[in-house]
């Protein structure tokens, strides 16, 4: 029996996001987690704006 497994970028991002959440919960101080989360959100927002500006 043959099986095909397709792993796309969404799966990789979700896996990385969950690993990052575990590291945040285990290793970092709450204020550091907040700063990193805000920085990540800002970077994603800037990337989305830059990506939409190419059209």
Protein backbone atom coordinates (compact mmCIF):
# COMPACT_ATOMS: atom_id res chain seq x y z
CA UNK A 1 0.00 0.00 0.00
CA UNK A 2 1.37 3.42 -0.96
CA UNK A 3 0.82 6.58 1.06
CA UNK A 4 1.60 10.12 0.05
CA UNK A 5 2.45 12.63 2.75
CA UNK A 6 2.34 16.29 1.80
CA UNK A 7 3.84 18.80 4.23
CA UNK A 8 3.27 22.41 3.29
CA UNK A 9 4.52 25.67 4.78
CA UNK A 10 1.47 26.03 7.04
CA UNK A 11 2.32 22.81 8.83
CA UNK A 12 5.93 23.90 9.33
CA UNK A 13 4.83 27.31 10.67
CA UNK A 14 2.35 25.72 13.08
CA UNK A 15 4.98 23.28 14.33
CA UNK A 16 7.51 26.08 14.81
CA UNK A 17 4.93 28.25 16.53
CA UNK A 18 4.05 25.54 19.01
CA UNK A 19 7.74 24.89 19.75
CA UNK A 20 8.26 28.61 20.27
CA UNK A 21 5.29 28.71 22.66
CA UNK A 22 6.72 25.86 24.72
CA UNK A 23 10.11 27.60 24.93
CA UNK A 24 8.39 30.84 25.96
CA UNK A 25 6.43 29.06 28.68
CA UNK A 26 9.41 27.19 30.05
CA UNK A 27 12.39 29.51 29.77
CA UNK A 28 11.50 33.18 29.53
CA UNK A 29 10.27 35.77 31.97
CA UNK A 30 6.75 37.12 31.31
CA UNK A 31 7.93 40.61 30.36
CA UNK A 32 10.45 39.18 27.89
CA UNK A 33 7.73 37.01 26.32
CA UNK A 34 5.56 40.10 25.89
CA UNK A 35 8.36 42.07 24.21
CA UNK A 36 9.19 39.23 21.82
CA UNK A 37 5.52 38.64 20.98
CA UNK A 38 4.96 42.33 20.23
CA UNK A 39 8.09 42.43 18.07
CA UNK A 40 6.98 39.31 16.18
CA UNK A 41 3.50 40.74 15.59
CA UNK A 42 4.98 44.01 14.30
CA UNK A 43 7.35 42.15 11.97
CA UNK A 44 4.50 40.05 10.56
CA UNK A 45 2.37 43.16 10.07
CA UNK A 46 5.18 44.97 8.24
CA UNK A 47 5.77 41.90 6.05
CA UNK A 48 2.06 41.73 5.16
CA UNK A 49 1.98 45.43 4.26
CA UNK A 50 5.15 45.11 2.17
CA UNK A 51 3.79 42.00 0.45
CA UNK A 52 0.52 43.73 -0.46
CA UNK A 53 2.37 46.78 -1.72
CA UNK A 54 3.93 44.88 -4.65
CA UNK A 55 0.64 44.66 -6.53
